[in-house]
Amino acid sequence: MGSLADDVIGCRACPRLVEYAADVRENRRKTGYAADEYWCQPVPSFGERDAWLLIVGLAPGTHGAGRTGRPFTGDYAGELLYRTLWEQGWGSNPNSRSRGDGLELDGVRIANALRCAPPQNKPTGEELKQCRPFLERELQLLPQLEMVLALGGVAHRQVVTTVGGRQVDFRFGHGARHSLPGVEWELVDSSHPSRYNLNTRRLTEEQFSVVLSSLRE
């Protein structure tokens, strides 16, 4: 077993996701992209190990983190997330553009429930199960962790299952807070800051900002 990041990047446990990444890379090559312009691998977490807050999203977007190799980087959800983190004083820049852009997070680490980009952004239950040990290791490697922010229901359920909780006891809800069994940190829920949720007003930028601001308490 190597470092968590190396093990994530090297994972080939889900054939459908491996094949999808290869197809995306080939299709991009045919449309004029260089071979290294699309990450097309499992995406490791971003942030420092002294984080008090772990943010868990759904999965890399095919043309977002699936392209850049950094969670929530290169898509609409990431634009709102990193800007809000910067507004809270937890990021050195309001924009996350690439793995080498120099952006630093203060007290925050970002991961995904699934580390590979799935077709149509819809992971299977088995794929989430295969990826769960990475989240388990992530949680164990954050000694100062105080809160986990789950962005969306899939991320919420992945966190609850990872620590051995029952879904019936911990229902997802925007702004909800949960004390999970056997851990010292608190789980907080937010609707995912996706373009769809914002366009349909299931979530507003103000509502998202309020949840992140509440974490300071």
N, C-alpha and C. Protein backbone atom coordinates (compact mmCIF):
# COMPACT_ATOMS: atom_id res chain seq x y z
N MET A 1 0.84 -1.19 0.00
CA MET A 1 0.00 0.00 0.00
C MET A 1 0.88 1.24 0.00
N GLY A 2 0.65 2.13 -0.96
CA GLY A 2 1.42 3.36 -1.05
C GLY A 2 0.68 4.50 -0.38
N SER A 3 0.99 5.73 -0.80
CA SER A 3 0.26 6.88 -0.29
C SER A 3 -1.18 6.81 -0.79
N LEU A 4 -2.06 7.51 -0.09
CA LEU A 4 -3.46 7.51 -0.50
C LEU A 4 -3.61 8.04 -1.91
N ALA A 5 -2.92 9.14 -2.23
CA ALA A 5 -3.03 9.73 -3.57
C ALA A 5 -2.56 8.75 -4.64
N ASP A 6 -1.43 8.10 -4.40
CA ASP A 6 -0.91 7.14 -5.38
C ASP A 6 -1.86 5.97 -5.56
N ASP A 7 -2.44 5.49 -4.46
CA ASP A 7 -3.36 4.36 -4.55
C ASP A 7 -4.64 4.74 -5.27
N VAL A 8 -5.11 5.96 -5.04
CA VAL A 8 -6.29 6.43 -5.77
C VAL A 8 -6.01 6.50 -7.27
N ILE A 9 -4.93 7.16 -7.63
CA ILE A 9 -4.60 7.33 -9.05
C ILE A 9 -4.38 5.98 -9.73
N GLY A 10 -3.82 5.04 -9.01
CA GLY A 10 -3.51 3.73 -9.60
C GLY A 10 -4.67 2.75 -9.59
N CYS A 11 -5.80 3.12 -9.02
CA CYS A 11 -6.91 2.18 -8.90
C CYS A 11 -7.55 1.89 -10.27
N ARG A 12 -7.79 0.60 -10.50
CA ARG A 12 -8.47 0.15 -11.72
C ARG A 12 -9.53 -0.89 -11.36
N ALA A 13 -10.19 -0.67 -10.23
CA ALA A 13 -11.11 -1.67 -9.69
C ALA A 13 -12.44 -1.75 -10.44
N CYS A 14 -12.83 -0.68 -11.14
CA CYS A 14 -14.15 -0.64 -11.77
C CYS A 14 -14.01 -0.62 -13.29
N PRO A 15 -14.22 -1.76 -13.96
CA PRO A 15 -14.00 -1.84 -15.41
C PRO A 15 -14.78 -0.81 -16.22
N ARG A 16 -16.03 -0.54 -15.85
CA ARG A 16 -16.83 0.43 -16.60
C ARG A 16 -16.20 1.81 -16.57
N LEU A 17 -15.67 2.20 -15.42
CA LEU A 17 -15.07 3.53 -15.28
C LEU A 17 -13.73 3.62 -15.98
N VAL A 18 -12.96 2.54 -15.94
CA VAL A 18 -11.68 2.51 -16.65
C VAL A 18 -11.93 2.63 -18.15
N GLU A 19 -12.91 1.90 -18.66
CA GLU A 19 -13.23 1.94 -20.08
C GLU A 19 -13.75 3.32 -20.48
N TYR A 20 -14.57 3.91 -19.63
CA TYR A 20 -15.11 5.24 -19.94
C TYR A 20 -13.99 6.27 -20.02
N ALA A 21 -13.05 6.23 -19.08
CA ALA A 21 -11.93 7.17 -19.10
C ALA A 21 -11.11 7.01 -20.37
N ALA A 22 -10.88 5.76 -20.79
CA ALA A 22 -10.12 5.51 -22.01
C ALA A 22 -10.87 6.04 -23.23
N ASP A 23 -12.18 5.88 -23.25
CA ASP A 23 -12.99 6.38 -24.37
C ASP A 23 -12.96 7.90 -24.43
N VAL A 24 -13.05 8.55 -23.26
CA VAL A 24 -13.01 10.02 -23.22
C VAL A 24 -11.67 10.51 -23.74
N ARG A 25 -10.60 9.88 -23.28
CA ARG A 25 -9.26 10.30 -23.73
C ARG A 25 -9.13 10.14 -25.25
N GLU A 26 -9.61 9.04 -25.77
CA GLU A 26 -9.51 8.80 -27.21
C GLU A 26 -10.35 9.80 -28.00
N ASN A 27 -11.56 10.07 -27.52
CA ASN A 27 -12.42 11.03 -28.20
C ASN A 27 -11.83 12.43 -28.18
N ARG A 28 -11.20 12.80 -27.06
CA ARG A 28 -10.55 14.11 -26.98
C ARG A 28 -9.37 14.18 -27.94
N ARG A 29 -8.63 13.07 -28.03
CA ARG A 29 -7.50 13.03 -28.96
C ARG A 29 -7.97 13.24 -30.39
N LYS A 30 -9.09 12.65 -30.74
CA LYS A 30 -9.61 12.76 -32.10
C LYS A 30 -10.08 14.18 -32.41
N THR A 31 -10.44 14.93 -31.37
CA THR A 31 -10.90 16.30 -31.59
C THR A 31 -9.78 17.33 -31.40
N GLY A 32 -8.53 16.85 -31.31
CA GLY A 32 -7.40 17.77 -31.34
C GLY A 32 -6.71 18.04 -30.03
N TYR A 33 -7.13 17.39 -28.96
CA TYR A 33 -6.45 17.58 -27.67
C TYR A 33 -5.19 16.73 -27.61
N ALA A 34 -4.16 17.26 -26.96
CA ALA A 34 -2.97 16.46 -26.72
C ALA A 34 -3.28 15.38 -25.69
N ALA A 35 -2.48 14.33 -25.68
CA ALA A 35 -2.74 13.19 -24.82
C ALA A 35 -2.79 13.57 -23.34
N ASP A 36 -2.01 14.58 -22.94
CA ASP A 36 -1.93 14.93 -21.52
C ASP A 36 -2.85 16.09 -21.14
N GLU A 37 -3.73 16.52 -22.04
CA GLU A 37 -4.62 17.63 -21.72
C GLU A 37 -5.87 17.18 -20.96
N TYR A 38 -6.13 15.88 -20.94
CA TYR A 38 -7.23 15.34 -20.16
C TYR A 38 -6.67 14.35 -19.15
N TRP A 39 -7.00 14.53 -17.86
CA TRP A 39 -6.49 13.69 -16.79
C TRP A 39 -6.91 12.24 -16.99
N CYS A 40 -8.22 12.00 -17.10
CA CYS A 40 -8.77 10.67 -17.41
C CYS A 40 -8.21 9.57 -16.52
N GLN A 41 -8.10 9.85 -15.23
CA GLN A 41 -7.68 8.89 -14.23
C GLN A 41 -8.50 9.16 -12.96
N PRO A 42 -8.43 8.26 -11.98
CA PRO A 42 -9.04 8.59 -10.70
C PRO A 42 -8.44 9.88 -10.14
N VAL A 43 -9.28 10.69 -9.49
CA VAL A 43 -8.87 12.01 -9.03
C VAL A 43 -8.60 11.98 -7.52
N PRO A 44 -7.37 12.27 -7.10
CA PRO A 44 -7.06 12.30 -5.66
C PRO A 44 -7.64 13.54 -4.99
N SER A 45 -7.63 13.54 -3.67
CA SER A 45 -8.15 14.67 -2.91
C SER A 45 -7.22 15.88 -3.04
N PHE A 46 -7.74 17.03 -2.64
CA PHE A 46 -6.97 18.27 -2.71
C PHE A 46 -7.06 18.98 -1.36
N GLY A 47 -5.92 19.39 -0.81
CA GLY A 47 -5.88 20.10 0.45
C GLY A 47 -4.87 19.49 1.40
N GLU A 48 -4.69 20.13 2.54
CA GLU A 48 -3.67 19.71 3.48
C GLU A 48 -4.21 18.71 4.50
N ARG A 49 -3.27 17.99 5.14
CA ARG A 49 -3.64 16.98 6.12
C ARG A 49 -4.02 17.57 7.48
N ASP A 50 -3.81 18.87 7.67
CA ASP A 50 -4.21 19.49 8.93
C ASP A 50 -5.61 20.09 8.84
N ALA A 51 -6.38 19.66 7.86
CA ALA A 51 -7.71 20.22 7.63
C ALA A 51 -8.65 19.90 8.79
N TRP A 52 -9.45 20.89 9.16
CA TRP A 52 -10.53 20.66 10.13
C TRP A 52 -11.85 20.37 9.42
N LEU A 53 -11.89 20.69 8.10
CA LEU A 53 -13.10 20.48 7.30
C LEU A 53 -12.78 19.64 6.07
N LEU A 54 -13.51 18.55 5.91
CA LEU A 54 -13.42 17.74 4.68
C LEU A 54 -14.72 17.91 3.92
N ILE A 55 -14.61 18.35 2.67
CA ILE A 55 -15.77 18.48 1.79
C ILE A 55 -15.81 17.28 0.87
N VAL A 56 -16.95 16.60 0.82
CA VAL A 56 -17.10 15.40 0.00
C VAL A 56 -18.16 15.65 -1.06
N GLY A 57 -17.76 15.57 -2.33
CA GLY A 57 -18.69 15.73 -3.42
C GLY A 57 -19.13 14.39 -3.98
N LEU A 58 -19.81 14.42 -5.11
CA LEU A 58 -20.32 13.20 -5.73
C LEU A 58 -19.21 12.45 -6.47
N ALA A 59 -18.73 13.05 -7.55
CA ALA A 59 -17.74 12.40 -8.40
C ALA A 59 -17.14 13.44 -9.33
N PRO A 60 -15.97 13.19 -9.89
CA PRO A 60 -15.41 14.13 -10.89
C PRO A 60 -16.33 14.25 -12.09
N GLY A 61 -16.51 15.47 -12.59
CA GLY A 61 -17.21 15.65 -13.84
C GLY A 61 -16.28 15.29 -15.00
N THR A 62 -16.83 14.71 -16.04
CA THR A 62 -16.01 14.26 -17.17
C THR A 62 -15.12 15.37 -17.71
N HIS A 63 -15.69 16.56 -17.88
CA HIS A 63 -14.93 17.67 -18.45
C HIS A 63 -14.54 18.70 -17.39
N GLY A 64 -14.72 18.36 -16.11
CA GLY A 64 -14.26 19.19 -15.01
C GLY A 64 -13.03 18.54 -14.40
N ALA A 65 -13.21 17.93 -13.21
CA ALA A 65 -12.08 17.25 -12.55
C ALA A 65 -11.57 16.08 -13.37
N GLY A 66 -12.43 15.47 -14.19
CA GLY A 66 -11.98 14.40 -15.06
C GLY A 66 -10.98 14.89 -16.10
N ARG A 67 -11.01 16.18 -16.38
CA ARG A 67 -10.06 16.81 -17.31
C ARG A 67 -8.85 17.36 -16.57
N THR A 68 -9.09 18.04 -15.42
CA THR A 68 -8.01 18.76 -14.75
C THR A 68 -7.26 17.93 -13.70
N GLY A 69 -7.92 16.90 -13.15
CA GLY A 69 -7.27 16.08 -12.13
C GLY A 69 -7.35 16.64 -10.73
N ARG A 70 -8.14 17.70 -10.50
CA ARG A 70 -8.35 18.26 -9.16
C ARG A 70 -9.86 18.33 -8.90
N PRO A 71 -10.31 17.92 -7.70
CA PRO A 71 -11.75 17.96 -7.41
C PRO A 71 -12.35 19.34 -7.64
N PHE A 72 -13.53 19.34 -8.26
CA PHE A 72 -14.31 20.56 -8.48
C PHE A 72 -13.51 21.63 -9.23
N THR A 73 -12.73 21.23 -10.18
CA THR A 73 -11.94 22.19 -10.94
C THR A 73 -12.23 22.03 -12.43
N GLY A 74 -12.73 23.11 -13.03
CA GLY A 74 -13.04 23.07 -14.45
C GLY A 74 -14.51 22.98 -14.76
N ASP A 75 -15.37 23.10 -13.74
CA ASP A 75 -16.81 23.05 -14.02
C ASP A 75 -17.54 24.10 -13.18
N TYR A 76 -18.84 24.22 -13.42
CA TYR A 76 -19.64 25.28 -12.80
C TYR A 76 -19.70 25.12 -11.29
N ALA A 77 -19.91 23.90 -10.81
CA ALA A 77 -19.99 23.67 -9.36
C ALA A 77 -18.71 24.12 -8.67
N GLY A 78 -17.58 23.85 -9.30
CA GLY A 78 -16.31 24.25 -8.72
C GLY A 78 -16.13 25.75 -8.66
N GLU A 79 -16.66 26.46 -9.65
CA GLU A 79 -16.55 27.92 -9.64
C GLU A 79 -17.22 28.49 -8.40
N LEU A 80 -18.41 27.96 -8.07
CA LEU A 80 -19.11 28.45 -6.89
C LEU A 80 -18.42 27.97 -5.61
N LEU A 81 -18.01 26.72 -5.57
CA LEU A 81 -17.39 26.18 -4.36
C LEU A 81 -16.12 26.94 -4.00
N TYR A 82 -15.20 27.09 -4.93
CA TYR A 82 -13.92 27.74 -4.61
C TYR A 82 -14.09 29.22 -4.34
N ARG A 83 -15.03 29.85 -5.02
CA ARG A 83 -15.28 31.27 -4.74
C ARG A 83 -15.83 31.44 -3.32
N THR A 84 -16.72 30.55 -2.92
CA THR A 84 -17.29 30.63 -1.57
C THR A 84 -16.25 30.33 -0.51
N LEU A 85 -15.37 29.36 -0.77
CA LEU A 85 -14.28 29.08 0.17
C LEU A 85 -13.37 30.30 0.32
N TRP A 86 -13.09 30.96 -0.78
CA TRP A 86 -12.25 32.18 -0.74
C TRP A 86 -12.95 33.27 0.06
N GLU A 87 -14.26 33.42 -0.13
CA GLU A 87 -15.01 34.44 0.59
C GLU A 87 -14.99 34.17 2.10
N GLN A 88 -14.91 32.90 2.48
CA GLN A 88 -14.84 32.54 3.89
C GLN A 88 -13.43 32.65 4.44
N GLY A 89 -12.45 32.92 3.58
CA GLY A 89 -11.07 33.02 4.02
C GLY A 89 -10.34 31.69 4.06
N TRP A 90 -10.88 30.68 3.37
CA TRP A 90 -10.32 29.34 3.41
C TRP A 90 -9.57 28.97 2.13
N GLY A 91 -9.43 29.90 1.22
CA GLY A 91 -8.72 29.65 -0.03
C GLY A 91 -7.88 30.87 -0.40
N SER A 92 -6.76 30.62 -1.04
CA SER A 92 -5.87 31.73 -1.41
C SER A 92 -6.31 32.44 -2.68
N ASN A 93 -7.28 31.87 -3.38
CA ASN A 93 -7.73 32.44 -4.65
C ASN A 93 -9.17 32.02 -4.87
N PRO A 94 -10.00 32.86 -5.48
CA PRO A 94 -11.40 32.47 -5.73
C PRO A 94 -11.57 31.50 -6.89
N ASN A 95 -10.50 31.24 -7.62
CA ASN A 95 -10.59 30.39 -8.80
C ASN A 95 -9.65 29.20 -8.70
N SER A 96 -10.14 28.03 -9.13
CA SER A 96 -9.31 26.84 -9.24
C SER A 96 -9.31 26.44 -10.71
N ARG A 97 -8.13 26.52 -11.33
CA ARG A 97 -8.06 26.31 -12.78
C ARG A 97 -7.34 25.03 -13.17
N SER A 98 -6.31 24.64 -12.40
CA SER A 98 -5.52 23.47 -12.76
C SER A 98 -4.75 22.98 -11.56
N ARG A 99 -4.16 21.80 -11.67
CA ARG A 99 -3.40 21.23 -10.57
C ARG A 99 -2.15 22.07 -10.24
N GLY A 100 -1.67 22.84 -11.17
CA GLY A 100 -0.45 23.60 -10.95
C GLY A 100 -0.65 25.09 -10.85
N ASP A 101 -1.85 25.53 -10.47
CA ASP A 101 -2.13 26.98 -10.46
C ASP A 101 -1.70 27.67 -9.16
N GLY A 102 -1.18 26.93 -8.19
CA GLY A 102 -0.70 27.54 -6.95
C GLY A 102 -1.77 27.77 -5.90
N LEU A 103 -3.00 27.39 -6.16
CA LEU A 103 -4.07 27.58 -5.19
C LEU A 103 -3.78 26.77 -3.92
N GLU A 104 -4.02 27.39 -2.76
CA GLU A 104 -3.86 26.71 -1.48
C GLU A 104 -5.14 26.86 -0.66
N LEU A 105 -5.48 25.81 0.08
CA LEU A 105 -6.63 25.85 0.96
C LEU A 105 -6.14 25.92 2.41
N ASP A 106 -6.88 26.62 3.24
CA ASP A 106 -6.52 26.80 4.64
C ASP A 106 -7.54 26.05 5.51
N GLY A 107 -7.13 24.90 6.04
CA GLY A 107 -7.99 24.13 6.92
C GLY A 107 -9.04 23.30 6.24
N VAL A 108 -8.96 23.21 4.92
CA VAL A 108 -9.99 22.52 4.15
C VAL A 108 -9.36 21.49 3.22
N ARG A 109 -10.02 20.35 3.08
CA ARG A 109 -9.61 19.34 2.13
C ARG A 109 -10.85 18.91 1.35
N ILE A 110 -10.68 18.57 0.08
CA ILE A 110 -11.81 18.26 -0.79
C ILE A 110 -11.61 16.88 -1.42
N ALA A 111 -12.65 16.05 -1.36
CA ALA A 111 -12.61 14.71 -1.92
C ALA A 111 -13.95 14.43 -2.61
N ASN A 112 -14.07 13.24 -3.16
CA ASN A 112 -15.33 12.82 -3.78
C ASN A 112 -15.72 11.44 -3.28
N ALA A 113 -17.02 11.18 -3.28
CA ALA A 113 -17.52 9.86 -2.91
C ALA A 113 -17.01 8.81 -3.88
N LEU A 114 -16.94 9.17 -5.15
CA LEU A 114 -16.37 8.33 -6.21
C LEU A 114 -15.21 9.09 -6.83
N ARG A 115 -14.07 8.42 -7.00
CA ARG A 115 -12.87 9.11 -7.45
C ARG A 115 -12.72 9.15 -8.97
N CYS A 116 -13.55 8.43 -9.70
CA CYS A 116 -13.49 8.43 -11.17
C CYS A 116 -14.72 9.11 -11.74
N ALA A 117 -14.58 9.70 -12.91
CA ALA A 117 -15.72 10.30 -13.60
C ALA A 117 -16.61 9.19 -14.16
N PRO A 118 -17.88 9.13 -13.75
CA PRO A 118 -18.79 8.10 -14.28
C PRO A 118 -19.58 8.61 -15.48
N PRO A 119 -20.00 7.73 -16.38
CA PRO A 119 -20.86 8.15 -17.49
C PRO A 119 -22.13 8.82 -16.96
N GLN A 120 -22.50 9.94 -17.57
CA GLN A 120 -23.70 10.70 -17.21
C GLN A 120 -23.70 11.11 -15.73
N ASN A 121 -22.51 11.11 -15.12
CA ASN A 121 -22.37 11.51 -13.72
C ASN A 121 -23.20 10.64 -12.78
N LYS A 122 -23.37 9.36 -13.14
CA LYS A 122 -24.20 8.45 -12.35
C LYS A 122 -23.41 7.20 -11.99
N PRO A 123 -22.83 7.15 -10.81
CA PRO A 123 -22.11 5.95 -10.37
C PRO A 123 -23.08 4.84 -9.97
N THR A 124 -22.63 3.61 -10.07
CA THR A 124 -23.43 2.49 -9.60
C THR A 124 -23.15 2.25 -8.13
N GLY A 125 -24.03 1.50 -7.50
CA GLY A 125 -23.81 1.16 -6.10
C GLY A 125 -22.53 0.38 -5.88
N GLU A 126 -22.21 -0.52 -6.79
CA GLU A 126 -21.00 -1.31 -6.66
C GLU A 126 -19.76 -0.45 -6.81
N GLU A 127 -19.80 0.54 -7.70
CA GLU A 127 -18.65 1.44 -7.87
C GLU A 127 -18.42 2.28 -6.61
N LEU A 128 -19.49 2.73 -6.01
CA LEU A 128 -19.35 3.48 -4.75
C LEU A 128 -18.78 2.60 -3.65
N LYS A 129 -19.21 1.35 -3.63
CA LYS A 129 -18.69 0.40 -2.63
C LYS A 129 -17.20 0.18 -2.83
N GLN A 130 -16.77 0.02 -4.08
CA GLN A 130 -15.36 -0.20 -4.37
C GLN A 130 -14.51 1.00 -3.94
N CYS A 131 -15.09 2.19 -4.00
CA CYS A 131 -14.36 3.42 -3.70
C CYS A 131 -14.39 3.78 -2.22
N ARG A 132 -15.25 3.15 -1.47
CA ARG A 132 -15.45 3.51 -0.07
C ARG A 132 -14.18 3.42 0.78
N PRO A 133 -13.32 2.40 0.57
CA PRO A 133 -12.10 2.34 1.38
C PRO A 133 -11.21 3.58 1.26
N PHE A 134 -11.25 4.26 0.12
CA PHE A 134 -10.46 5.48 -0.01
C PHE A 134 -10.98 6.57 0.92
N LEU A 135 -12.30 6.69 1.03
CA LEU A 135 -12.87 7.68 1.95
C LEU A 135 -12.57 7.29 3.39
N GLU A 136 -12.61 6.01 3.69
CA GLU A 136 -12.28 5.55 5.04
C GLU A 136 -10.86 5.94 5.41
N ARG A 137 -9.92 5.71 4.49
CA ARG A 137 -8.53 6.10 4.75
C ARG A 137 -8.41 7.62 4.87
N GLU A 138 -9.13 8.33 4.04
CA GLU A 138 -9.10 9.80 4.08
C GLU A 138 -9.46 10.30 5.46
N LEU A 139 -10.54 9.76 6.01
CA LEU A 139 -11.00 10.19 7.32
C LEU A 139 -9.99 9.86 8.41
N GLN A 140 -9.33 8.73 8.27
CA GLN A 140 -8.35 8.31 9.27
C GLN A 140 -7.09 9.16 9.23
N LEU A 141 -6.81 9.77 8.09
CA LEU A 141 -5.58 10.54 7.91
C LEU A 141 -5.74 12.03 8.21
N LEU A 142 -6.87 12.40 8.77
CA LEU A 142 -7.12 13.81 9.10
C LEU A 142 -7.27 13.95 10.62
N PRO A 143 -6.17 14.09 11.34
CA PRO A 143 -6.22 14.07 12.81
C PRO A 143 -6.94 15.26 13.43
N GLN A 144 -7.06 16.38 12.71
CA GLN A 144 -7.70 17.57 13.27
C GLN A 144 -9.12 17.77 12.74
N LEU A 145 -9.69 16.74 12.14
CA LEU A 145 -10.99 16.86 11.50
C LEU A 145 -12.08 17.18 12.53
N GLU A 146 -12.88 18.20 12.22
CA GLU A 146 -14.01 18.59 13.07
C GLU A 146 -15.34 18.45 12.36
N MET A 147 -15.32 18.64 11.04
CA MET A 147 -16.57 18.59 10.29
C MET A 147 -16.35 17.98 8.91
N VAL A 148 -17.39 17.27 8.44
CA VAL A 148 -17.43 16.78 7.07
C VAL A 148 -18.67 17.39 6.42
N LEU A 149 -18.47 18.06 5.30
CA LEU A 149 -19.57 18.66 4.56
C LEU A 149 -19.87 17.79 3.34
N ALA A 150 -21.05 17.19 3.32
CA ALA A 150 -21.46 16.33 2.21
C ALA A 150 -22.27 17.16 1.21
N LEU A 151 -21.80 17.19 -0.03
CA LEU A 151 -22.50 17.94 -1.07
C LEU A 151 -23.37 16.98 -1.86
N GLY A 152 -24.64 16.90 -1.47
CA GLY A 152 -25.58 16.04 -2.16
C GLY A 152 -25.83 14.73 -1.43
N GLY A 153 -26.91 14.07 -1.82
CA GLY A 153 -27.34 12.85 -1.15
C GLY A 153 -26.39 11.69 -1.31
N VAL A 154 -25.77 11.54 -2.48
CA VAL A 154 -24.85 10.43 -2.69
C VAL A 154 -23.65 10.55 -1.78
N ALA A 155 -23.08 11.74 -1.68
CA ALA A 155 -21.95 11.96 -0.79
C ALA A 155 -22.35 11.72 0.66
N HIS A 156 -23.52 12.19 1.04
CA HIS A 156 -24.02 11.97 2.41
C HIS A 156 -24.10 10.48 2.71
N ARG A 157 -24.70 9.71 1.82
CA ARG A 157 -24.87 8.27 2.07
C ARG A 157 -23.53 7.55 2.10
N GLN A 158 -22.59 8.01 1.26
CA GLN A 158 -21.27 7.39 1.27
C GLN A 158 -20.57 7.62 2.61
N VAL A 159 -20.68 8.81 3.14
CA VAL A 159 -20.05 9.11 4.42
C VAL A 159 -20.69 8.29 5.54
N VAL A 160 -22.02 8.28 5.57
CA VAL A 160 -22.73 7.54 6.63
C VAL A 160 -22.37 6.06 6.59
N THR A 161 -22.39 5.47 5.41
CA THR A 161 -22.07 4.04 5.28
C THR A 161 -20.63 3.76 5.65
N THR A 162 -19.73 4.66 5.28
CA THR A 162 -18.30 4.46 5.55
C THR A 162 -18.02 4.31 7.04
N VAL A 163 -18.74 5.04 7.87
CA VAL A 163 -18.51 4.97 9.32
C VAL A 163 -19.45 4.00 10.02
N GLY A 164 -20.22 3.24 9.25
CA GLY A 164 -21.07 2.21 9.83
C GLY A 164 -22.42 2.68 10.32
N GLY A 165 -22.86 3.85 9.87
CA GLY A 165 -24.16 4.35 10.27
C GLY A 165 -25.28 3.78 9.42
N ARG A 166 -26.52 3.86 9.92
CA ARG A 166 -27.68 3.41 9.17
C ARG A 166 -28.34 4.61 8.50
N GLN A 167 -28.64 4.46 7.21
CA GLN A 167 -29.22 5.57 6.46
C GLN A 167 -30.53 6.03 7.08
N VAL A 168 -31.30 5.11 7.62
CA VAL A 168 -32.60 5.46 8.18
C VAL A 168 -32.45 6.38 9.39
N ASP A 169 -31.31 6.34 10.04
CA ASP A 169 -31.08 7.16 11.23
C ASP A 169 -30.53 8.54 10.89
N PHE A 170 -30.04 8.71 9.68
CA PHE A 170 -29.38 9.97 9.30
C PHE A 170 -29.86 10.38 7.91
N ARG A 171 -30.96 11.09 7.87
CA ARG A 171 -31.58 11.50 6.61
C ARG A 171 -30.87 12.73 6.05
N PHE A 172 -30.65 12.72 4.74
CA PHE A 172 -30.04 13.88 4.09
C PHE A 172 -31.01 15.05 4.05
N GLY A 173 -30.51 16.24 4.31
CA GLY A 173 -31.32 17.44 4.17
C GLY A 173 -30.42 18.66 4.14
N HIS A 174 -30.70 19.59 3.27
CA HIS A 174 -29.85 20.77 3.15
C HIS A 174 -29.78 21.50 4.49
N GLY A 175 -28.56 21.67 5.00
CA GLY A 175 -28.36 22.34 6.27
C GLY A 175 -28.45 21.44 7.48
N ALA A 176 -28.78 20.16 7.26
CA ALA A 176 -28.92 19.24 8.39
C ALA A 176 -27.54 18.91 8.98
N ARG A 177 -27.52 18.61 10.28
CA ARG A 177 -26.30 18.24 10.98
C ARG A 177 -26.52 16.90 11.67
N HIS A 178 -25.47 16.07 11.65
CA HIS A 178 -25.60 14.72 12.18
C HIS A 178 -24.39 14.36 13.04
N SER A 179 -24.65 13.74 14.19
CA SER A 179 -23.59 13.16 15.02
C SER A 179 -23.57 11.66 14.73
N LEU A 180 -22.56 11.20 14.04
CA LEU A 180 -22.49 9.82 13.58
C LEU A 180 -21.82 8.95 14.64
N PRO A 181 -22.10 7.64 14.59
CA PRO A 181 -21.55 6.75 15.62
C PRO A 181 -20.04 6.56 15.47
N GLY A 182 -19.34 6.61 16.62
CA GLY A 182 -17.93 6.25 16.65
C GLY A 182 -16.96 7.27 16.11
N VAL A 183 -17.43 8.50 15.81
CA VAL A 183 -16.53 9.53 15.30
C VAL A 183 -16.70 10.80 16.13
N GLU A 184 -15.66 11.64 16.12
CA GLU A 184 -15.70 12.87 16.90
C GLU A 184 -16.08 14.09 16.06
N TRP A 185 -16.15 13.93 14.75
CA TRP A 185 -16.51 15.04 13.89
C TRP A 185 -18.01 15.01 13.58
N GLU A 186 -18.51 16.12 13.06
CA GLU A 186 -19.93 16.28 12.75
C GLU A 186 -20.12 16.27 11.23
N LEU A 187 -21.19 15.63 10.78
CA LEU A 187 -21.54 15.63 9.35
C LEU A 187 -22.58 16.71 9.10
N VAL A 188 -22.30 17.56 8.11
CA VAL A 188 -23.22 18.62 7.71
C VAL A 188 -23.58 18.42 6.25
N ASP A 189 -24.85 18.61 5.91
CA ASP A 189 -25.33 18.40 4.55
C ASP A 189 -25.56 19.71 3.81
N SER A 190 -25.30 19.67 2.51
CA SER A 190 -25.70 20.77 1.63
C SER A 190 -26.12 20.18 0.29
N SER A 191 -27.10 20.79 -0.32
CA SER A 191 -27.40 20.43 -1.71
C SER A 191 -26.16 20.67 -2.56
N HIS A 192 -25.99 19.85 -3.58
CA HIS A 192 -24.81 19.97 -4.43
C HIS A 192 -24.89 21.27 -5.25
N PRO A 193 -23.79 22.04 -5.33
CA PRO A 193 -23.80 23.30 -6.06
C PRO A 193 -23.68 23.12 -7.58
N SER A 194 -24.45 22.21 -8.12
CA SER A 194 -24.41 21.95 -9.56
C SER A 194 -25.16 23.03 -10.33
N ARG A 195 -24.85 23.13 -11.60
CA ARG A 195 -25.56 24.10 -12.44
C ARG A 195 -27.07 23.80 -12.45
N TYR A 196 -27.41 22.51 -12.50
CA TYR A 196 -28.83 22.12 -12.53
C TYR A 196 -29.55 22.59 -11.27
N ASN A 197 -28.96 22.33 -10.11
CA ASN A 197 -29.61 22.73 -8.86
C ASN A 197 -29.75 24.24 -8.75
N LEU A 198 -28.76 24.97 -9.24
CA LEU A 198 -28.84 26.43 -9.18
C LEU A 198 -29.82 26.98 -10.21
N ASN A 199 -29.85 26.40 -11.40
CA ASN A 199 -30.78 26.87 -12.42
C ASN A 199 -32.23 26.60 -12.04
N THR A 200 -32.47 25.47 -11.33
CA THR A 200 -33.84 25.12 -10.94
C THR A 200 -34.21 25.70 -9.58
N ARG A 201 -33.28 26.44 -8.97
CA ARG A 201 -33.48 27.09 -7.67
C ARG A 201 -33.66 26.08 -6.53
N ARG A 202 -33.24 24.84 -6.74
CA ARG A 202 -33.19 23.91 -5.62
C ARG A 202 -32.14 24.39 -4.61
N LEU A 203 -31.19 25.14 -5.12
CA LEU A 203 -30.16 25.74 -4.28
C LEU A 203 -29.84 27.11 -4.84
N THR A 204 -29.66 28.08 -3.96
CA THR A 204 -29.20 29.40 -4.40
C THR A 204 -27.78 29.63 -3.87
N GLU A 205 -27.08 30.56 -4.47
CA GLU A 205 -25.74 30.87 -4.00
C GLU A 205 -25.77 31.35 -2.55
N GLU A 206 -26.81 32.08 -2.20
CA GLU A 206 -26.93 32.56 -0.83
C GLU A 206 -27.12 31.40 0.15
N GLN A 207 -27.97 30.43 -0.21
CA GLN A 207 -28.18 29.27 0.65
C GLN A 207 -26.89 28.48 0.84
N PHE A 208 -26.13 28.35 -0.23
CA PHE A 208 -24.87 27.62 -0.14
C PHE A 208 -23.89 28.37 0.76
N SER A 209 -23.82 29.67 0.61
CA SER A 209 -22.93 30.48 1.43
C SER A 209 -23.31 30.41 2.91
N VAL A 210 -24.61 30.36 3.18
CA VAL A 210 -25.09 30.29 4.57
C VAL A 210 -24.62 29.00 5.23
N VAL A 211 -24.69 27.88 4.50
CA VAL A 211 -24.25 26.61 5.08
C VAL A 211 -22.76 26.66 5.40
N LEU A 212 -21.95 27.16 4.48
CA LEU A 212 -20.52 27.22 4.75
C LEU A 212 -20.20 28.20 5.89
N SER A 213 -20.92 29.30 5.93
CA SER A 213 -20.71 30.26 7.03
C SER A 213 -21.05 29.63 8.37
N SER A 214 -22.07 28.77 8.40
CA SER A 214 -22.50 28.14 9.65
C SER A 214 -21.44 27.20 10.20
N LEU A 215 -20.53 26.73 9.36
CA LEU A 215 -19.49 25.81 9.82
C LEU A 215 -18.55 26.49 10.80
N ARG A 216 -18.45 27.81 10.73
CA ARG A 216 -17.58 28.54 11.64
C ARG A 216 -18.05 28.42 13.09
N GLU A 217 -19.32 28.17 13.28
CA GLU A 217 -19.89 28.08 14.62
C GLU A 217 -19.41 26.85 15.36
